[in-house]
PDB file of N, CA and C in Angstrom:
ATOM      1  N   MET A   1      -6.718   7.114  14.264  1.00  0.00           N
ATOM      2  CA  MET A   1      -5.407   6.452  14.391  1.00  0.00           C
ATOM      3  C   MET A   1      -4.317   7.441  13.936  1.00  0.00           C
ATOM      4  N   GLN A   2      -3.327   7.478  14.697  1.00  0.00           N
ATOM      5  CA  GLN A   2      -2.173   8.322  14.373  1.00  0.00           C
ATOM      6  C   GLN A   2      -0.873   7.482  14.237  1.00  0.00           C
ATOM      7  N   LYS A   3      -0.124   7.679  13.196  1.00  0.00           N
ATOM      8  CA  LYS A   3       1.126   6.954  12.996  1.00  0.00           C
ATOM      9  C   LYS A   3       2.253   7.947  13.076  1.00  0.00           C
ATOM     10  N   MET A   4       3.241   7.620  13.961  1.00  0.00           N
ATOM     11  CA  MET A   4       4.374   8.472  14.168  1.00  0.00           C
ATOM     12  C   MET A   4       5.636   7.669  13.863  1.00  0.00           C
ATOM     13  N   LYS A   5       6.491   8.268  12.977  1.00  0.00           N
ATOM     14  CA  LYS A   5       7.672   7.516  12.523  1.00  0.00           C
ATOM     15  C   LYS A   5       8.922   7.992  13.203  1.00  0.00           C
ATOM     16  N   PHE A   6       8.873   9.062  13.973  1.00  0.00           N
ATOM     17  CA  PHE A   6      10.060   9.571  14.647  1.00  0.00           C
ATOM     18  C   PHE A   6       9.774   9.721  16.119  1.00  0.00           C
ATOM     19  N   CYS A   7      10.715   9.276  16.952  1.00  0.00           N
ATOM     20  CA  CYS A   7      10.624   9.472  18.379  1.00  0.00           C
ATOM     21  C   CYS A   7      11.899   9.972  18.893  1.00  0.00           C
ATOM     22  N   PRO A   8      11.920  11.150  19.537  1.00  0.00           N
ATOM     23  CA  PRO A   8      13.164  11.686  20.026  1.00  0.00           C
ATOM     24  C   PRO A   8      13.722  10.845  21.176  1.00  0.00           C
ATOM     25  N   LEU A   9      12.832  10.262  21.935  1.00  0.00           N
ATOM     26  CA  LEU A   9      13.319   9.372  23.009  1.00  0.00           C
ATOM     27  C   LEU A   9      14.095   8.130  22.491  1.00  0.00           C
ATOM     28  N   VAL A  10      13.532   7.469  21.473  1.00  0.00           N
ATOM     29  CA  VAL A  10      14.173   6.311  20.894  1.00  0.00           C
ATOM     30  C   VAL A  10      15.572   6.744  20.284  1.00  0.00           C
ATOM     31  N   GLU A  11      15.537   7.885  19.605  1.00  0.00           N
ATOM     32  CA  GLU A  11      16.807   8.356  19.004  1.00  0.00           C
ATOM     33  C   GLU A  11      17.854   8.629  20.093  1.00  0.00           C
ATOM     34  N   ALA A  12      17.444   9.233  21.192  1.00  0.00           N
ATOM     35  CA  ALA A  12      18.387   9.543  22.258  1.00  0.00           C
ATOM     36  C   ALA A  12      18.878   8.259  22.937  1.00  0.00           C
ATOM     37  N   TRP A  13      18.028   7.260  23.113  1.00  0.00           N
ATOM     38  CA  TRP A  13      18.491   6.014  23.728  1.00  0.00           C
ATOM     39  C   TRP A  13      19.429   5.271  22.772  1.00  0.00           C
ATOM     40  N   GLN A  14      19.196   5.378  21.479  1.00  0.00           N
ATOM     41  CA  GLN A  14      20.088   4.735  20.512  1.00  0.00           C
ATOM     42  C   GLN A  14      21.446   5.470  20.619  1.00  0.00           C
ATOM     43  N   GLU A  15      21.457   6.750  20.630  1.00  0.00           N
ATOM     44  CA  GLU A  15      22.735   7.535  20.711  1.00  0.00           C
ATOM     45  C   GLU A  15      23.504   7.207  22.020  1.00  0.00           C
ATOM     46  N   MET A  16      22.748   6.860  23.076  1.00  0.00           N
ATOM     47  CA  MET A  16      23.428   6.543  24.325  1.00  0.00           C
ATOM     48  C   MET A  16      24.000   5.111  24.366  1.00  0.00           C
ATOM     49  N   GLY A  17      23.641   4.366  23.244  1.00  0.00           N
ATOM     50  CA  GLY A  17      24.177   3.026  23.160  1.00  0.00           C
ATOM     51  C   GLY A  17      23.346   1.926  23.824  1.00  0.00           C
ATOM     52  N   CYS A  18      22.099   2.259  24.088  1.00  0.00           N
ATOM     53  CA  CYS A  18      21.183   1.283  24.693  1.00  0.00           C
ATOM     54  C   CYS A  18      20.942   0.126  23.723  1.00  0.00           C
ATOM     55  N   SER A  19      20.757  -1.045  24.279  1.00  0.00           N
ATOM     56  CA  SER A  19      20.433  -2.254  23.504  1.00  0.00           C
ATOM     57  C   SER A  19      18.966  -2.164  23.013  1.00  0.00           C
ATOM     58  N   ASN A  20      18.590  -2.939  22.019  1.00  0.00           N
ATOM     59  CA  ASN A  20      17.179  -2.977  21.541  1.00  0.00           C
ATOM     60  C   ASN A  20      16.237  -3.341  22.646  1.00  0.00           C
ATOM     61  N   GLU A  21      16.681  -4.265  23.539  1.00  0.00           N
ATOM     62  CA  GLU A  21      15.856  -4.719  24.627  1.00  0.00           C
ATOM     63  C   GLU A  21      15.600  -3.610  25.624  1.00  0.00           C
ATOM     64  N   GLU A  22      16.711  -2.827  25.914  1.00  0.00           N
ATOM     65  CA  GLU A  22      16.560  -1.727  26.822  1.00  0.00           C
ATOM     66  C   GLU A  22      15.629  -0.615  26.264  1.00  0.00           C
ATOM     67  N   ILE A  23      15.797  -0.371  24.952  1.00  0.00           N
ATOM     68  CA  ILE A  23      14.975   0.675  24.324  1.00  0.00           C
ATOM     69  C   ILE A  23      13.482   0.247  24.344  1.00  0.00           C
ATOM     70  N   ASP A  24      13.168  -1.036  24.125  1.00  0.00           N
ATOM     71  CA  ASP A  24      11.844  -1.564  24.175  1.00  0.00           C
ATOM     72  C   ASP A  24      11.301  -1.327  25.582  1.00  0.00           C
ATOM     73  N   LEU A  25      12.029  -1.655  26.612  1.00  0.00           N
ATOM     74  CA  LEU A  25      11.593  -1.471  27.999  1.00  0.00           C
ATOM     75  C   LEU A  25      11.417  -0.019  28.321  1.00  0.00           C
ATOM     76  N   PHE A  26      12.371   0.873  27.973  1.00  0.00           N
ATOM     77  CA  PHE A  26      12.248   2.260  28.298  1.00  0.00           C
ATOM     78  C   PHE A  26      11.015   2.885  27.585  1.00  0.00           C
ATOM     79  N   CYS A  27      10.795   2.460  26.369  1.00  0.00           N
ATOM     80  CA  CYS A  27       9.667   2.947  25.561  1.00  0.00           C
ATOM     81  C   CYS A  27       8.313   2.583  26.279  1.00  0.00           C
ATOM     82  N   ASP A  28       8.242   1.331  26.709  1.00  0.00           N
ATOM     83  CA  ASP A  28       7.027   0.900  27.377  1.00  0.00           C
ATOM     84  C   ASP A  28       6.826   1.695  28.690  1.00  0.00           C
ATOM     85  N   ILE A  29       7.911   1.932  29.424  1.00  0.00           N
ATOM     86  CA  ILE A  29       7.798   2.741  30.639  1.00  0.00           C
ATOM     87  C   ILE A  29       7.351   4.132  30.315  1.00  0.00           C
ATOM     88  N   ALA A  30       7.938   4.754  29.321  1.00  0.00           N
ATOM     89  CA  ALA A  30       7.575   6.127  28.960  1.00  0.00           C
ATOM     90  C   ALA A  30       6.096   6.184  28.571  1.00  0.00           C
ATOM     91  N   MET A  31       5.573   5.178  27.899  1.00  0.00           N
ATOM     92  CA  MET A  31       4.197   5.220  27.459  1.00  0.00           C
ATOM     93  C   MET A  31       3.198   5.094  28.614  1.00  0.00           C
ATOM     94  N   GLU A  32       3.700   4.666  29.763  1.00  0.00           N
ATOM     95  CA  GLU A  32       2.774   4.535  30.928  1.00  0.00           C
ATOM     96  C   GLU A  32       2.171   5.915  31.300  1.00  0.00           C
ATOM     97  N   CYS A  33       2.999   6.960  31.121  1.00  0.00           N
ATOM     98  CA  CYS A  33       2.489   8.288  31.398  1.00  0.00           C
ATOM     99  C   CYS A  33       1.272   8.604  30.473  1.00  0.00           C
ATOM    100  N   ASN A  34       1.465   8.299  29.214  1.00  0.00           N
ATOM    101  CA  ASN A  34       0.342   8.584  28.283  1.00  0.00           C
ATOM    102  C   ASN A  34      -0.897   7.673  28.565  1.00  0.00           C
ATOM    103  N   ARG A  35      -0.626   6.448  28.882  1.00  0.00           N
ATOM    104  CA  ARG A  35      -1.773   5.553  29.227  1.00  0.00           C
ATOM    105  C   ARG A  35      -2.488   6.069  30.449  1.00  0.00           C
ATOM    106  N   GLY A  36      -1.744   6.554  31.449  1.00  0.00           N
ATOM    107  CA  GLY A  36      -2.384   7.062  32.659  1.00  0.00           C
ATOM    108  C   GLY A  36      -3.199   8.352  32.341  1.00  0.00           C
ATOM    109  N   ARG A  37      -2.620   9.199  31.502  1.00  0.00           N
ATOM    110  CA  ARG A  37      -3.444  10.383  31.139  1.00  0.00           C
ATOM    111  C   ARG A  37      -4.702  10.031  30.394  1.00  0.00           C
ATOM    112  N   ALA A  38      -4.611   9.075  29.518  1.00  0.00           N
ATOM    113  CA  ALA A  38      -5.808   8.634  28.783  1.00  0.00           C
ATOM    114  C   ALA A  38      -6.815   8.045  29.723  1.00  0.00           C
ATOM    115  N   ASP A  39      -6.338   7.167  30.652  1.00  0.00           N
ATOM    116  CA  ASP A  39      -7.310   6.578  31.596  1.00  0.00           C
ATOM    117  C   ASP A  39      -7.959   7.591  32.494  1.00  0.00           C
ATOM    118  N   ALA A  40      -7.207   8.599  32.884  1.00  0.00           N
ATOM    119  CA  ALA A  40      -7.778   9.645  33.744  1.00  0.00           C
ATOM    120  C   ALA A  40      -8.871  10.453  33.032  1.00  0.00           C
ATOM    121  N   ARG A  41      -8.861  10.421  31.682  1.00  0.00           N
ATOM    122  CA  ARG A  41      -9.837  11.150  30.945  1.00  0.00           C
ATOM    123  C   ARG A  41     -10.982  10.241  30.406  1.00  0.00           C
ATOM    124  N   GLY A  42     -10.894   9.000  30.858  1.00  0.00           N
ATOM    125  CA  GLY A  42     -11.922   8.044  30.464  1.00  0.00           C
ATOM    126  C   GLY A  42     -11.818   7.527  29.053  1.00  0.00           C
ATOM    127  N   VAL A  43     -10.636   7.520  28.501  1.00  0.00           N
ATOM    128  CA  VAL A  43     -10.432   6.944  27.165  1.00  0.00           C
ATOM    129  C   VAL A  43      -9.415   5.824  27.257  1.00  0.00           C
ATOM    130  N   ARG A  44      -9.468   4.954  26.253  1.00  0.00           N
ATOM    131  CA  ARG A  44      -8.542   3.818  26.202  1.00  0.00           C
ATOM    132  C   ARG A  44      -7.538   4.101  25.153  1.00  0.00           C
ATOM    133  N   MET A  45      -6.271   3.939  25.452  1.00  0.00           N
ATOM    134  CA  MET A  45      -5.238   4.140  24.455  1.00  0.00           C
ATOM    135  C   MET A  45      -4.587   2.758  24.096  1.00  0.00           C
ATOM    136  N   VAL A  46      -4.507   2.540  22.809  1.00  0.00           N
ATOM    137  CA  VAL A  46      -3.954   1.246  22.349  1.00  0.00           C
ATOM    138  C   VAL A  46      -2.774   1.611  21.487  1.00  0.00           C
ATOM    139  N   LEU A  47      -1.587   0.993  21.770  1.00  0.00           N
ATOM    140  CA  LEU A  47      -0.382   1.214  21.010  1.00  0.00           C
ATOM    141  C   LEU A  47       0.038  -0.138  20.442  1.00  0.00           C
ATOM    142  N   ASP A  48      -0.480  -0.429  19.211  1.00  0.00           N
ATOM    143  CA  ASP A  48      -0.210  -1.726  18.595  1.00  0.00           C
ATOM    144  C   ASP A  48       1.223  -1.845  18.088  1.00  0.00           C
ATOM    145  N   GLU A  49       1.790  -0.762  17.604  1.00  0.00           N
ATOM    146  CA  GLU A  49       3.114  -0.789  17.054  1.00  0.00           C
ATOM    147  C   GLU A  49       3.943   0.323  17.712  1.00  0.00           C
ATOM    148  N   ARG A  50       5.240   0.025  17.948  1.00  0.00           N
ATOM    149  CA  ARG A  50       6.084   1.027  18.608  1.00  0.00           C
ATOM    150  C   ARG A  50       7.452   1.021  17.932  1.00  0.00           C
ATOM    151  N   THR A  51       8.036   2.211  17.650  1.00  0.00           N
ATOM    152  CA  THR A  51       9.357   2.255  17.114  1.00  0.00           C
ATOM    153  C   THR A  51      10.356   1.723  18.163  1.00  0.00           C
ATOM    154  N   GLY A  52       9.999   1.812  19.425  1.00  0.00           N
ATOM    155  CA  GLY A  52      10.887   1.377  20.507  1.00  0.00           C
ATOM    156  C   GLY A  52      11.032  -0.156  20.514  1.00  0.00           C
ATOM    157  N   LYS A  53      10.136  -0.869  19.921  1.00  0.00           N
ATOM    158  CA  LYS A  53      10.317  -2.320  19.798  1.00  0.00           C
ATOM    159  C   LYS A  53      10.668  -2.773  18.447  1.00  0.00           C
ATOM    160  N   GLY A  54      10.997  -1.798  17.578  1.00  0.00           N
ATOM    161  CA  GLY A  54      11.544  -2.099  16.279  1.00  0.00           C
ATOM    162  C   GLY A  54      10.555  -2.001  15.098  1.00  0.00           C
ATOM    163  N   ASP A  55       9.299  -1.592  15.409  1.00  0.00           N
ATOM    164  CA  ASP A  55       8.310  -1.396  14.361  1.00  0.00           C
ATOM    165  C   ASP A  55       8.678  -0.130  13.563  1.00  0.00           C
ATOM    166  N   PRO A  56       8.204  -0.054  12.320  1.00  0.00           N
ATOM    167  CA  PRO A  56       8.504   1.109  11.455  1.00  0.00           C
ATOM    168  C   PRO A  56       7.892   2.428  11.998  1.00  0.00           C
ATOM    169  N   CYS A  57       6.855   2.321  12.794  1.00  0.00           N
ATOM    170  CA  CYS A  57       6.195   3.509  13.344  1.00  0.00           C
ATOM    171  C   CYS A  57       5.482   3.142  14.579  1.00  0.00           C
ATOM    172  N   CYS A  58       5.097   4.164  15.361  1.00  0.00           N
ATOM    173  CA  CYS A  58       4.183   3.978  16.445  1.00  0.00           C
ATOM    174  C   CYS A  58       2.738   4.164  15.953  1.00  0.00           C
ATOM    175  N   LYS A  59       1.940   3.229  16.222  1.00  0.00           N
ATOM    176  CA  LYS A  59       0.519   3.319  15.786  1.00  0.00           C
ATOM    177  C   LYS A  59      -0.326   3.460  17.052  1.00  0.00           C
ATOM    178  N   LEU A  60      -0.816   4.643  17.217  1.00  0.00           N
ATOM    179  CA  LEU A  60      -1.574   5.020  18.431  1.00  0.00           C
ATOM    180  C   LEU A  60      -3.073   5.155  18.112  1.00  0.00           C
ATOM    181  N   MET A  61      -3.870   4.447  18.871  1.00  0.00           N
ATOM    182  CA  MET A  61      -5.287   4.546  18.646  1.00  0.00           C
ATOM    183  C   MET A  61      -5.936   4.895  20.005  1.00  0.00           C
ATOM    184  N   ILE A  62      -6.849   5.866  19.987  1.00  0.00           N
ATOM    185  CA  ILE A  62      -7.496   6.294  21.241  1.00  0.00           C
ATOM    186  C   ILE A  62      -9.012   5.980  21.000  1.00  0.00           C
ATOM    187  N   HIS A  63      -9.617   5.242  21.953  1.00  0.00           N
ATOM    188  CA  HIS A  63     -10.961   4.852  21.909  1.00  0.00           C
ATOM    189  C   HIS A  63     -11.775   5.526  22.955  1.00  0.00           C
ATOM    190  N   LYS A  64     -12.903   6.134  22.567  1.00  0.00           N
ATOM    191  CA  LYS A  64     -13.785   6.779  23.490  1.00  0.00           C
ATOM    192  C   LYS A  64     -14.381   5.746  24.410  1.00  0.00           C
ATOM    193  N   ALA A  65     -14.528   6.080  25.691  1.00  0.00           N
ATOM    194  CA  ALA A  65     -15.059   5.182  26.638  1.00  0.00           C
ATOM    195  C   ALA A  65     -16.531   4.898  26.321  1.00  0.00           C
ATOM    196  N   GLN A  66     -16.926   3.655  26.589  1.00  0.00           N
ATOM    197  CA  GLN A  66     -18.304   3.219  26.363  1.00  0.00           C
ATOM    198  C   GLN A  66     -19.182   3.844  27.472  1.00  0.00           C
ATOM    199  N   SER A  67     -20.346   4.381  27.032  1.00  0.00           N
ATOM    200  CA  SER A  67     -21.261   5.028  28.033  1.00  0.00           C
ATOM    201  C   SER A  67     -22.173   3.994  28.559  1.00  0.00           C
TER     202      SER A  67
END
C-alpha cells in the first residue's frame, strides 16, 4: 500500500478555481489511465482514498492477479 499526500493535478485544478465536484471528477478520469495500465499488466489497482475527493491522502493498493 502506498499513501500519497500531494498531487500536482489536484493542486493545479484548485489554482484554476475548479469546484470540489469538478476536482473529484477530473481525478477519477485521470486515474483511469493508471487503472488501464494496471489491468494491461494483469494486476488490480484499488484506490480507496483520493485527495481529489477530499481525503487526506491517496491510498493506492495494487493486487497481484490470481493464478
